[in-house]
Structure formats: structure tokens, C-alpha cells
Amino acid sequence: MFATNVGTIDRIVRIVVGLALLAGFFLFPEAGMRWLFLIGIIPLATGLLSTCPLYSLMGMSTCPTRRN
């Protein structure tokens, strides 16, 4: 469906950052702008799906090239 354009290290970083931001949402319930932690959904989703729409628009990829 979508072309894979997120490499392994990039994918791991995105998942960790996304989980950390979402954890902040639950760990700091009295934070004034708590909803900003929900931005973590974006890196988590792009890491889990191995595709980034912004990378596609810019023609970028962090996946290693395959050699035959």
C-alpha cells in the first residue's frame, strides 16, 4: 500500500520517541498543555508502519539500498 521509506534506526527512534511522548500524556495529568503529548502518535505510527508521508513528499528514504 505505502512504500517503505523508514530505515531500521530511524524506525526505532520514532517508536521510542512516540512512546515517550504518549507516556508523558498519562504521567502528567495536570500539565497545562497536556494534549501536546498526543503528538507522539505521529512518530509512533510512522515507526510502526515503516512509512513517512513527509519523506515521500520530499523524495527521501532512510532505508538501505538493496544490491543484487
Protein backbone atom coordinates (compact mmCIF):
# COMPACT_ATOMS: atom_id res chain seq x y z
CA MET A 1 0.00 0.00 0.00
CA PHE A 2 2.68 2.52 1.06
CA ALA A 3 6.32 2.38 0.05
CA THR A 4 8.67 1.64 2.93
CA ASN A 5 10.93 4.66 3.38
CA VAL A 6 11.90 4.50 7.07
CA GLY A 7 15.08 2.59 7.91
CA THR A 8 15.75 0.47 10.99
CA ILE A 9 17.49 3.06 13.19
CA ASP A 10 15.03 5.78 12.16
CA ARG A 11 12.16 3.41 12.91
CA ILE A 12 13.46 2.56 16.40
CA VAL A 13 14.00 6.23 17.26
CA ARG A 14 10.48 7.12 16.08
CA ILE A 15 8.90 4.33 18.16
CA VAL A 16 10.86 5.26 21.30
CA VAL A 17 10.09 8.98 20.95
CA GLY A 18 6.42 8.28 20.24
CA LEU A 19 6.08 6.01 23.27
CA ALA A 20 7.90 8.54 25.49
CA LEU A 21 5.57 11.35 24.43
CA LEU A 22 2.47 9.21 24.94
CA ALA A 23 3.79 8.15 28.36
CA GLY A 24 4.09 11.84 29.24
CA PHE A 25 0.40 12.26 28.44
CA PHE A 26 -0.50 9.72 31.12
CA LEU A 27 2.25 10.59 33.63
CA PHE A 28 1.47 14.31 33.81
CA PRO A 29 -2.33 14.59 34.03
CA GLU A 30 -2.21 18.13 35.49
CA ALA A 31 0.07 19.54 32.78
CA GLY A 32 -1.32 22.72 31.27
CA MET A 33 -0.81 21.77 27.64
CA ARG A 34 -1.07 18.02 28.17
CA TRP A 35 -2.65 17.48 24.76
CA LEU A 36 0.71 18.29 23.10
CA PHE A 37 1.96 14.89 24.26
CA LEU A 38 -0.51 13.35 21.80
CA ILE A 39 1.82 14.46 19.01
CA GLY A 40 3.64 11.22 19.92
CA ILE A 41 1.02 9.35 17.90
CA ILE A 42 2.64 10.57 14.67
CA PRO A 43 6.19 9.24 15.18
CA LEU A 44 4.79 6.06 16.72
CA ALA A 45 2.53 5.42 13.72
CA THR A 46 5.22 6.20 11.15
CA GLY A 47 7.67 3.96 13.01
CA LEU A 48 5.25 1.05 13.24
CA LEU A 49 4.16 1.37 9.61
CA SER A 50 7.73 1.97 8.32
CA THR A 51 6.50 4.74 6.08
CA CYS A 52 6.58 8.51 6.43
CA PRO A 53 4.34 10.68 4.23
CA LEU A 54 6.68 13.67 4.63
CA TYR A 55 9.63 11.58 3.41
CA SER A 56 7.52 10.55 0.39
CA LEU A 57 6.71 14.17 -0.46
CA MET A 58 10.39 15.13 -0.24
CA GLY A 59 11.59 12.01 -2.08
CA MET A 60 13.67 10.86 0.90
CA SER A 61 14.31 7.40 2.30
CA THR A 62 16.41 6.14 5.19
CA CYS A 63 16.13 2.53 4.07
CA PRO A 64 19.35 0.89 2.98
CA THR A 65 19.67 0.29 -0.75
CA ARG A 66 19.47 -3.32 -1.88
CA ARG A 67 22.17 -4.76 -4.09
CA ASN A 68 21.56 -7.76 -6.31
